[in-house]
Amino acid sequence: MAADPQPPLPADLMDALVARAGEHAAQLELLGLTVAGHDERLTELGAAVESLLPDNAGQGHSPIPSPRWHDLEGQARTEAIDRLRDWVRRVYVPVYGHLAAGMAACWPEHPLALQILDHLSETWAVLYARPTRPQRVLTAQLEFQLRYVPAAAEMLQRETSGCGHQARAPLSTRARPGDGRYG
């Protein structure tokens, strides 16, 4: 059995359908232009957001959690101090010369000194362990060198001088690795 053919649509209904299809086509075209405009704007916003992210995302130093110096004991405390001792030996003493020389070798006995050195070492790593240096990083590096390091060095000197520890002699900027004067 063959299906009965559909009767043709009346002309006025056909004209109405074509007119509606034309309206939808115009709306779809307008929607396409709107989406394209939003796509352009989203690309601009994505670029703006990327400019706010660190330029070394996933490639530079990620700061460690702050040690809780008031709670650390035993091996955990020894390891945390050893990490700082290594940074003092490799970076602080050789790079900051006379500023570092004011800190006494007994600094590991001073919770305030541990706190300051932890902040200095982590900030230093974030600023200098990166593949690029955009202007904002250069500015942060300069502020670190001119404001933070001198203020921290003064606090370290005051904290570790006249404390009564046996090893209260200042660190020497002429000390060589392995000669015991790095603290």
N, C-alpha and C. Protein backbone atom coordinates (compact mmCIF):
# COMPACT_ATOMS: atom_id res chain seq x y z
N MET A 1 0.82 -1.17 0.00
CA MET A 1 0.00 0.00 0.00
C MET A 1 0.86 1.23 0.00
N ALA A 2 0.57 2.09 -0.89
CA ALA A 2 1.31 3.34 -1.00
C ALA A 2 0.69 4.35 -0.07
N ALA A 3 1.53 5.19 0.50
CA ALA A 3 1.04 6.22 1.41
C ALA A 3 0.35 7.29 0.58
N ASP A 4 -0.67 7.81 1.18
CA ASP A 4 -1.38 8.90 0.50
C ASP A 4 -0.50 10.13 0.48
N PRO A 5 -0.33 10.76 -0.66
CA PRO A 5 0.47 11.98 -0.69
C PRO A 5 -0.21 13.09 0.11
N GLN A 6 0.61 13.91 0.74
CA GLN A 6 0.09 15.04 1.53
C GLN A 6 -0.47 16.07 0.55
N PRO A 7 -1.59 16.62 0.93
CA PRO A 7 -2.12 17.69 0.06
C PRO A 7 -1.20 18.90 0.14
N PRO A 8 -1.04 19.65 -0.91
CA PRO A 8 -0.19 20.83 -0.89
C PRO A 8 -0.70 21.85 0.11
N LEU A 9 0.27 22.60 0.73
CA LEU A 9 -0.11 23.64 1.69
C LEU A 9 -0.70 24.83 0.95
N PRO A 10 -1.64 25.48 1.59
CA PRO A 10 -2.19 26.69 0.96
C PRO A 10 -1.08 27.73 0.80
N ALA A 11 -1.14 28.53 -0.21
CA ALA A 11 -0.12 29.51 -0.54
C ALA A 11 0.11 30.48 0.60
N ASP A 12 -0.96 30.93 1.24
CA ASP A 12 -0.78 31.90 2.33
C ASP A 12 -0.05 31.27 3.51
N LEU A 13 -0.28 29.99 3.79
CA LEU A 13 0.45 29.30 4.86
C LEU A 13 1.91 29.12 4.48
N MET A 14 2.14 28.78 3.21
CA MET A 14 3.50 28.62 2.72
C MET A 14 4.24 29.95 2.81
N ASP A 15 3.61 31.04 2.45
CA ASP A 15 4.24 32.36 2.53
C ASP A 15 4.55 32.71 3.99
N ALA A 16 3.66 32.34 4.90
CA ALA A 16 3.87 32.62 6.32
C ALA A 16 5.07 31.82 6.84
N LEU A 17 5.19 30.56 6.44
CA LEU A 17 6.31 29.74 6.88
C LEU A 17 7.64 30.27 6.34
N VAL A 18 7.66 30.68 5.11
CA VAL A 18 8.88 31.24 4.50
C VAL A 18 9.25 32.53 5.21
N ALA A 19 8.27 33.35 5.53
CA ALA A 19 8.53 34.61 6.24
C ALA A 19 9.11 34.32 7.63
N ARG A 20 8.53 33.32 8.34
CA ARG A 20 9.04 32.96 9.67
C ARG A 20 10.47 32.42 9.57
N ALA A 21 10.72 31.60 8.56
CA ALA A 21 12.06 31.06 8.37
C ALA A 21 13.05 32.20 8.11
N GLY A 22 12.65 33.19 7.36
CA GLY A 22 13.50 34.35 7.11
C GLY A 22 13.79 35.11 8.40
N GLU A 23 12.79 35.26 9.27
CA GLU A 23 12.99 35.93 10.56
C GLU A 23 13.98 35.13 11.41
N HIS A 24 13.83 33.80 11.42
CA HIS A 24 14.73 32.96 12.20
C HIS A 24 16.15 33.04 11.64
N ALA A 25 16.26 33.07 10.34
CA ALA A 25 17.58 33.18 9.72
C ALA A 25 18.24 34.50 10.14
N ALA A 26 17.47 35.59 10.15
CA ALA A 26 18.01 36.89 10.57
C ALA A 26 18.41 36.85 12.04
N GLN A 27 17.58 36.21 12.87
CA GLN A 27 17.90 36.09 14.29
C GLN A 27 19.15 35.24 14.50
N LEU A 28 19.26 34.15 13.73
CA LEU A 28 20.45 33.30 13.84
C LEU A 28 21.70 34.04 13.40
N GLU A 29 21.58 34.84 12.38
CA GLU A 29 22.74 35.64 11.94
C GLU A 29 23.13 36.64 13.02
N LEU A 30 22.15 37.31 13.61
CA LEU A 30 22.43 38.26 14.69
C LEU A 30 23.05 37.53 15.89
N LEU A 31 22.54 36.36 16.23
CA LEU A 31 23.09 35.56 17.32
C LEU A 31 24.54 35.17 17.01
N GLY A 32 24.82 34.79 15.78
CA GLY A 32 26.18 34.45 15.38
C GLY A 32 27.12 35.62 15.55
N LEU A 33 26.67 36.82 15.16
CA LEU A 33 27.50 38.02 15.34
C LEU A 33 27.72 38.32 16.81
N THR A 34 26.68 38.14 17.61
CA THR A 34 26.80 38.38 19.05
C THR A 34 27.78 37.40 19.69
N VAL A 35 27.68 36.13 19.34
CA VAL A 35 28.60 35.12 19.87
C VAL A 35 30.02 35.43 19.44
N ALA A 36 30.19 35.82 18.18
CA ALA A 36 31.53 36.17 17.70
C ALA A 36 32.08 37.35 18.49
N GLY A 37 31.24 38.33 18.79
CA GLY A 37 31.68 39.47 19.59
C GLY A 37 32.06 39.05 21.00
N HIS A 38 31.28 38.15 21.59
CA HIS A 38 31.61 37.66 22.93
C HIS A 38 32.87 36.81 22.89
N ASP A 39 33.04 36.04 21.84
CA ASP A 39 34.25 35.23 21.70
C ASP A 39 35.48 36.13 21.66
N GLU A 40 35.39 37.22 20.92
CA GLU A 40 36.49 38.19 20.86
C GLU A 40 36.75 38.78 22.24
N ARG A 41 35.68 39.15 22.92
CA ARG A 41 35.80 39.75 24.26
C ARG A 41 36.37 38.74 25.25
N LEU A 42 35.93 37.47 25.14
CA LEU A 42 36.46 36.43 26.03
C LEU A 42 37.95 36.22 25.79
N THR A 43 38.37 36.29 24.54
CA THR A 43 39.79 36.17 24.23
C THR A 43 40.56 37.32 24.87
N GLU A 44 40.01 38.54 24.78
CA GLU A 44 40.65 39.71 25.42
C GLU A 44 40.71 39.52 26.94
N LEU A 45 39.61 39.07 27.53
CA LEU A 45 39.58 38.86 28.98
C LEU A 45 40.56 37.76 29.39
N GLY A 46 40.64 36.70 28.60
CA GLY A 46 41.59 35.62 28.89
C GLY A 46 43.02 36.14 28.90
N ALA A 47 43.34 37.00 27.92
CA ALA A 47 44.69 37.58 27.87
C ALA A 47 44.92 38.47 29.09
N ALA A 48 43.89 39.22 29.50
CA ALA A 48 44.03 40.09 30.68
C ALA A 48 44.25 39.25 31.93
N VAL A 49 43.51 38.16 32.07
CA VAL A 49 43.68 37.29 33.24
C VAL A 49 45.07 36.66 33.23
N GLU A 50 45.53 36.21 32.08
CA GLU A 50 46.87 35.62 31.98
C GLU A 50 47.94 36.61 32.40
N SER A 51 47.73 37.89 32.07
CA SER A 51 48.74 38.89 32.45
C SER A 51 48.81 39.07 33.96
N LEU A 52 47.75 38.70 34.68
CA LEU A 52 47.74 38.82 36.14
C LEU A 52 48.35 37.60 36.81
N LEU A 53 48.42 36.49 36.11
CA LEU A 53 48.99 35.27 36.68
C LEU A 53 50.50 35.37 36.71
N PRO A 54 51.14 34.65 37.61
CA PRO A 54 52.60 34.65 37.63
C PRO A 54 53.14 34.15 36.30
N ASP A 55 54.18 34.81 35.82
CA ASP A 55 54.72 34.43 34.52
C ASP A 55 55.43 33.10 34.57
N ASN A 56 55.68 32.58 35.72
CA ASN A 56 56.37 31.30 35.83
C ASN A 56 55.45 30.23 36.42
N ALA A 57 54.16 30.37 36.18
CA ALA A 57 53.21 29.41 36.75
C ALA A 57 53.64 27.99 36.43
N GLY A 58 53.88 27.22 37.45
CA GLY A 58 54.28 25.84 37.28
C GLY A 58 55.76 25.67 36.94
N GLN A 59 56.51 26.76 36.79
CA GLN A 59 57.91 26.64 36.40
C GLN A 59 58.86 27.21 37.44
N GLY A 60 58.36 28.01 38.35
CA GLY A 60 59.22 28.64 39.34
C GLY A 60 59.05 28.00 40.70
N HIS A 61 59.50 28.69 41.71
CA HIS A 61 59.45 28.20 43.08
C HIS A 61 58.05 28.36 43.65
N SER A 62 57.55 27.33 44.25
CA SER A 62 56.30 27.41 45.00
C SER A 62 56.67 27.41 46.47
N PRO A 63 56.30 28.47 47.19
CA PRO A 63 56.68 28.55 48.61
C PRO A 63 56.18 27.35 49.41
N ILE A 64 57.01 26.95 50.35
CA ILE A 64 56.63 25.85 51.24
C ILE A 64 55.69 26.42 52.31
N PRO A 65 54.94 25.55 52.98
CA PRO A 65 54.13 26.03 54.10
C PRO A 65 55.04 26.64 55.18
N SER A 66 54.54 27.63 55.87
CA SER A 66 55.32 28.26 56.94
C SER A 66 55.60 27.27 58.06
N PRO A 67 56.88 27.13 58.42
CA PRO A 67 57.18 26.28 59.58
C PRO A 67 56.57 26.90 60.84
N ARG A 68 56.04 26.06 61.68
CA ARG A 68 55.49 26.54 62.95
C ARG A 68 56.61 26.41 63.98
N TRP A 69 57.50 27.39 63.97
CA TRP A 69 58.71 27.33 64.78
C TRP A 69 58.41 27.09 66.25
N HIS A 70 57.30 27.63 66.74
CA HIS A 70 56.96 27.46 68.15
C HIS A 70 56.54 26.02 68.48
N ASP A 71 56.19 25.22 67.47
CA ASP A 71 55.77 23.84 67.69
C ASP A 71 56.79 22.81 67.22
N LEU A 72 57.68 23.21 66.30
CA LEU A 72 58.61 22.24 65.72
C LEU A 72 59.59 21.73 66.77
N GLU A 73 59.78 20.41 66.75
CA GLU A 73 60.73 19.78 67.68
C GLU A 73 61.46 18.67 66.96
N GLY A 74 62.54 18.22 67.55
CA GLY A 74 63.25 17.05 67.08
C GLY A 74 63.73 17.15 65.64
N GLN A 75 63.54 16.05 64.91
CA GLN A 75 64.04 15.93 63.54
C GLN A 75 63.40 16.96 62.61
N ALA A 76 62.13 17.23 62.79
CA ALA A 76 61.44 18.21 61.93
C ALA A 76 62.06 19.59 62.09
N ARG A 77 62.37 19.96 63.32
CA ARG A 77 63.00 21.26 63.57
C ARG A 77 64.42 21.28 62.99
N THR A 78 65.15 20.21 63.19
CA THR A 78 66.52 20.12 62.66
C THR A 78 66.51 20.27 61.14
N GLU A 79 65.58 19.59 60.46
CA GLU A 79 65.50 19.67 59.00
C GLU A 79 65.14 21.07 58.54
N ALA A 80 64.23 21.72 59.23
CA ALA A 80 63.83 23.08 58.86
C ALA A 80 65.00 24.06 59.05
N ILE A 81 65.74 23.89 60.15
CA ILE A 81 66.90 24.76 60.38
C ILE A 81 67.99 24.46 59.35
N ASP A 82 68.18 23.20 59.01
CA ASP A 82 69.19 22.84 58.00
C ASP A 82 68.86 23.48 56.65
N ARG A 83 67.57 23.52 56.32
CA ARG A 83 67.16 24.18 55.07
C ARG A 83 67.55 25.65 55.09
N LEU A 84 67.30 26.32 56.21
CA LEU A 84 67.68 27.73 56.33
C LEU A 84 69.20 27.89 56.36
N ARG A 85 69.86 27.01 57.07
CA ARG A 85 71.33 27.06 57.16
C ARG A 85 71.94 26.98 55.75
N ASP A 86 71.38 26.12 54.91
CA ASP A 86 71.86 25.99 53.54
C ASP A 86 71.65 27.30 52.77
N TRP A 87 70.48 27.92 52.92
CA TRP A 87 70.20 29.18 52.23
C TRP A 87 71.12 30.30 52.75
N VAL A 88 71.33 30.34 54.05
CA VAL A 88 72.24 31.35 54.64
C VAL A 88 73.63 31.17 54.05
N ARG A 89 74.08 29.92 53.94
CA ARG A 89 75.42 29.63 53.42
C ARG A 89 75.55 29.94 51.93
N ARG A 90 74.54 29.54 51.13
CA ARG A 90 74.63 29.69 49.68
C ARG A 90 74.25 31.08 49.18
N VAL A 91 73.30 31.74 49.87
CA VAL A 91 72.76 32.99 49.35
C VAL A 91 73.00 34.17 50.29
N TYR A 92 72.50 34.08 51.51
CA TYR A 92 72.48 35.25 52.38
C TYR A 92 73.88 35.81 52.64
N VAL A 93 74.80 34.98 53.09
CA VAL A 93 76.15 35.47 53.40
C VAL A 93 76.89 35.95 52.15
N PRO A 94 76.95 35.16 51.08
CA PRO A 94 77.71 35.64 49.92
C PRO A 94 77.07 36.83 49.19
N VAL A 95 75.76 36.87 49.13
CA VAL A 95 75.10 37.93 48.35
C VAL A 95 74.94 39.22 49.16
N TYR A 96 74.61 39.10 50.43
CA TYR A 96 74.26 40.29 51.21
C TYR A 96 75.39 40.79 52.10
N GLY A 97 76.58 40.26 51.93
CA GLY A 97 77.80 40.77 52.53
C GLY A 97 77.68 41.38 53.90
N HIS A 98 77.90 42.72 53.97
CA HIS A 98 77.93 43.40 55.27
C HIS A 98 76.60 43.33 56.00
N LEU A 99 75.50 43.21 55.27
CA LEU A 99 74.20 43.08 55.93
C LEU A 99 74.11 41.74 56.66
N ALA A 100 74.60 40.68 56.04
CA ALA A 100 74.58 39.36 56.65
C ALA A 100 75.60 39.24 57.77
N ALA A 101 76.70 39.99 57.66
CA ALA A 101 77.78 39.88 58.65
C ALA A 101 77.34 40.30 60.05
N GLY A 102 76.28 41.09 60.15
CA GLY A 102 75.81 41.52 61.47
C GLY A 102 75.05 40.46 62.23
N MET A 103 74.65 39.38 61.56
CA MET A 103 73.91 38.31 62.23
C MET A 103 74.89 37.35 62.89
N ALA A 104 74.67 37.06 64.15
CA ALA A 104 75.55 36.15 64.87
C ALA A 104 75.29 34.71 64.45
N ALA A 105 76.30 33.88 64.63
CA ALA A 105 76.22 32.47 64.25
C ALA A 105 75.21 31.69 65.09
N CYS A 106 74.76 32.26 66.19
CA CYS A 106 73.79 31.58 67.05
C CYS A 106 72.35 31.76 66.56
N TRP A 107 72.17 32.29 65.36
CA TRP A 107 70.82 32.55 64.85
C TRP A 107 69.88 31.36 64.96
N PRO A 108 70.33 30.09 64.82
CA PRO A 108 69.38 28.99 64.95
C PRO A 108 68.74 28.88 66.33
N GLU A 109 69.33 29.55 67.32
CA GLU A 109 68.79 29.52 68.68
C GLU A 109 67.71 30.58 68.91
N HIS A 110 67.43 31.39 67.90
CA HIS A 110 66.49 32.52 68.04
C HIS A 110 65.26 32.30 67.17
N PRO A 111 64.10 32.06 67.77
CA PRO A 111 62.88 31.87 66.98
C PRO A 111 62.58 33.04 66.03
N LEU A 112 62.84 34.26 66.46
CA LEU A 112 62.60 35.40 65.58
C LEU A 112 63.52 35.34 64.36
N ALA A 113 64.78 34.98 64.57
CA ALA A 113 65.71 34.86 63.46
C ALA A 113 65.26 33.76 62.49
N LEU A 114 64.76 32.65 63.02
CA LEU A 114 64.26 31.58 62.16
C LEU A 114 63.09 32.07 61.31
N GLN A 115 62.21 32.81 61.93
CA GLN A 115 61.04 33.34 61.23
C GLN A 115 61.48 34.31 60.12
N ILE A 116 62.37 35.22 60.43
CA ILE A 116 62.83 36.20 59.45
C ILE A 116 63.57 35.52 58.30
N LEU A 117 64.46 34.61 58.62
CA LEU A 117 65.23 33.93 57.57
C LEU A 117 64.33 33.05 56.70
N ASP A 118 63.32 32.46 57.31
CA ASP A 118 62.36 31.67 56.52
C ASP A 118 61.67 32.57 55.50
N HIS A 119 61.19 33.72 55.94
CA HIS A 119 60.51 34.65 55.03
C HIS A 119 61.47 35.15 53.96
N LEU A 120 62.66 35.53 54.36
CA LEU A 120 63.65 36.01 53.38
C LEU A 120 63.96 34.94 52.34
N SER A 121 64.21 33.72 52.79
CA SER A 121 64.60 32.67 51.84
C SER A 121 63.47 32.33 50.88
N GLU A 122 62.26 32.25 51.37
CA GLU A 122 61.13 31.93 50.48
C GLU A 122 60.83 33.08 49.52
N THR A 123 60.87 34.31 50.00
CA THR A 123 60.64 35.45 49.12
C THR A 123 61.74 35.52 48.08
N TRP A 124 62.97 35.32 48.50
CA TRP A 124 64.10 35.32 47.56
C TRP A 124 63.88 34.27 46.47
N ALA A 125 63.49 33.07 46.87
CA ALA A 125 63.27 31.99 45.90
C ALA A 125 62.16 32.33 44.91
N VAL A 126 61.06 32.90 45.41
CA VAL A 126 59.96 33.27 44.52
C VAL A 126 60.41 34.34 43.53
N LEU A 127 61.21 35.29 43.99
CA LEU A 127 61.64 36.39 43.11
C LEU A 127 62.75 36.00 42.15
N TYR A 128 63.61 35.06 42.54
CA TYR A 128 64.78 34.78 41.72
C TYR A 128 64.80 33.41 41.05
N ALA A 129 63.96 32.48 41.47
CA ALA A 129 63.93 31.16 40.85
C ALA A 129 62.82 31.13 39.80
N ARG A 130 63.00 31.92 38.75
CA ARG A 130 61.98 32.04 37.71
C ARG A 130 62.67 32.21 36.36
N PRO A 131 62.02 31.75 35.31
CA PRO A 131 62.65 31.82 34.00
C PRO A 131 62.63 33.21 33.37
N THR A 132 61.74 34.08 33.80
CA THR A 132 61.65 35.42 33.19
C THR A 132 61.57 36.48 34.28
N ARG A 133 61.81 37.73 33.87
CA ARG A 133 61.71 38.85 34.81
C ARG A 133 60.95 40.00 34.15
N PRO A 134 59.62 39.94 34.17
CA PRO A 134 58.88 41.08 33.66
C PRO A 134 59.05 42.28 34.58
N GLN A 135 58.59 43.42 34.13
CA GLN A 135 58.78 44.67 34.89
C GLN A 135 58.29 44.56 36.32
N ARG A 136 57.15 43.94 36.54
CA ARG A 136 56.62 43.86 37.92
C ARG A 136 57.55 43.04 38.82
N VAL A 137 58.23 42.04 38.26
CA VAL A 137 59.17 41.24 39.05
C VAL A 137 60.43 42.06 39.33
N LEU A 138 60.91 42.80 38.34
CA LEU A 138 62.07 43.66 38.57
C LEU A 138 61.78 44.65 39.69
N THR A 139 60.60 45.21 39.67
CA THR A 139 60.21 46.16 40.71
C THR A 139 60.17 45.47 42.08
N ALA A 140 59.61 44.27 42.13
CA ALA A 140 59.56 43.53 43.39
C ALA A 140 60.96 43.16 43.87
N GLN A 141 61.85 42.80 42.95
CA GLN A 141 63.23 42.47 43.32
C GLN A 141 63.93 43.69 43.92
N LEU A 142 63.73 44.84 43.30
CA LEU A 142 64.36 46.06 43.80
C LEU A 142 63.81 46.42 45.18
N GLU A 143 62.51 46.31 45.35
CA GLU A 143 61.93 46.60 46.66
C GLU A 143 62.46 45.63 47.71
N PHE A 144 62.59 44.38 47.35
CA PHE A 144 63.13 43.38 48.27
C PHE A 144 64.55 43.77 48.69
N GLN A 145 65.38 44.14 47.71
CA GLN A 145 66.78 44.48 48.00
C GLN A 145 66.91 45.77 48.83
N LEU A 146 66.10 46.77 48.49
CA LEU A 146 66.26 48.08 49.13
C LEU A 146 65.49 48.24 50.44
N ARG A 147 64.38 47.55 50.59
CA ARG A 147 63.57 47.73 51.79
C ARG A 147 63.61 46.54 52.73
N TYR A 148 63.29 45.38 52.20
CA TYR A 148 63.09 44.22 53.08
C TYR A 148 64.38 43.64 53.62
N VAL A 149 65.38 43.45 52.76
CA VAL A 149 66.62 42.83 53.24
C VAL A 149 67.29 43.71 54.29
N PRO A 150 67.46 45.02 54.06
CA PRO A 150 68.10 45.83 55.11
C PRO A 150 67.31 45.83 56.43
N ALA A 151 66.00 45.90 56.34
CA ALA A 151 65.19 45.89 57.57
C ALA A 151 65.32 44.55 58.29
N ALA A 152 65.29 43.46 57.52
CA ALA A 152 65.44 42.13 58.12
C ALA A 152 66.84 41.96 58.71
N ALA A 153 67.87 42.44 58.01
CA ALA A 153 69.25 42.32 58.51
C ALA A 153 69.40 43.07 59.83
N GLU A 154 68.78 44.22 59.93
CA GLU A 154 68.86 44.98 61.19
C GLU A 154 68.17 44.21 62.32
N MET A 155 67.02 43.64 62.02
CA MET A 155 66.32 42.86 63.04
C MET A 155 67.15 41.64 63.45
N LEU A 156 67.77 40.98 62.48
CA LEU A 156 68.60 39.81 62.77
C LEU A 156 69.80 40.19 63.63
N GLN A 157 70.41 41.30 63.33
CA GLN A 157 71.56 41.75 64.12
C GLN A 157 71.15 42.06 65.56
N ARG A 158 70.05 42.79 65.71
CA ARG A 158 69.58 43.13 67.07
C ARG A 158 69.18 41.89 67.85
N GLU A 159 68.53 40.96 67.18
CA GLU A 159 68.06 39.75 67.86
C GLU A 159 69.21 38.86 68.31
N THR A 160 70.28 38.79 67.50
CA THR A 160 71.35 37.83 67.80
C THR A 160 72.57 38.46 68.47
N SER A 161 72.52 39.75 68.76
CA SER A 161 73.67 40.35 69.45
C SER A 161 73.37 40.48 70.94
N GLY A 162 74.38 40.24 71.74
CA GLY A 162 74.24 40.38 73.18
C GLY A 162 73.28 39.39 73.81
N CYS A 163 73.12 38.24 73.20
CA CYS A 163 72.14 37.27 73.70
C CYS A 163 72.72 36.31 74.72
N GLY A 164 74.06 36.19 74.79
CA GLY A 164 74.67 35.30 75.75
C GLY A 164 74.95 33.90 75.24
N HIS A 165 74.60 33.60 74.01
CA HIS A 165 74.94 32.28 73.46
C HIS A 165 76.44 32.20 73.21
N GLN A 166 76.99 31.01 73.32
CA GLN A 166 78.43 30.83 73.11
C GLN A 166 78.85 31.23 71.70
N ALA A 167 78.02 30.93 70.71
CA ALA A 167 78.39 31.18 69.32
C ALA A 167 77.80 32.50 68.84
N ARG A 168 77.95 33.58 69.65
CA ARG A 168 77.30 34.82 69.28
C ARG A 168 78.15 35.69 68.37
N ALA A 169 79.31 35.23 67.97
CA ALA A 169 80.16 36.01 67.07
C ALA A 169 79.43 36.23 65.75
N PRO A 170 79.60 37.42 65.18
CA PRO A 170 78.94 37.69 63.89
C PRO A 170 79.46 36.76 62.80
N LEU A 171 78.61 36.51 61.83
CA LEU A 171 79.04 35.74 60.67
C LEU A 171 80.01 36.59 59.86
N SER A 172 80.98 35.97 59.29
CA SER A 172 81.95 36.71 58.48
C SER A 172 81.57 36.62 57.02
N THR A 173 81.63 37.73 56.31
CA THR A 173 81.37 37.70 54.88
C THR A 173 82.56 37.11 54.13
N ARG A 174 83.69 36.95 54.83
CA ARG A 174 84.86 36.34 54.20
C ARG A 174 84.92 34.84 54.45
N ALA A 175 83.95 34.33 55.17
CA ALA A 175 83.94 32.90 55.47
C ALA A 175 83.82 32.09 54.19
N ARG A 176 84.44 30.93 54.21
CA ARG A 176 84.36 30.02 53.07
C ARG A 176 83.53 28.82 53.47
N PRO A 177 82.84 28.22 52.50
CA PRO A 177 82.05 27.03 52.83
C PRO A 177 82.94 25.98 53.50
N GLY A 178 82.43 25.42 54.58
CA GLY A 178 83.13 24.36 55.26
C GLY A 178 84.04 24.83 56.38
N ASP A 179 84.22 26.15 56.58
CA ASP A 179 85.15 26.58 57.63
C ASP A 179 84.45 26.80 58.96
N GLY A 180 83.14 26.48 59.03
CA GLY A 180 82.42 26.53 60.30
C GLY A 180 81.89 27.88 60.68
N ARG A 181 82.16 28.93 59.89
CA ARG A 181 81.70 30.26 60.29
C ARG A 181 80.38 30.65 59.61
N TYR A 182 79.69 29.71 58.95
CA TYR A 182 78.45 30.02 58.29
C TYR A 182 77.24 29.84 59.18
N GLY A 183 77.38 29.24 60.31
CA GLY A 183 76.26 29.07 61.22
C GLY A 183 75.41 27.91 60.93
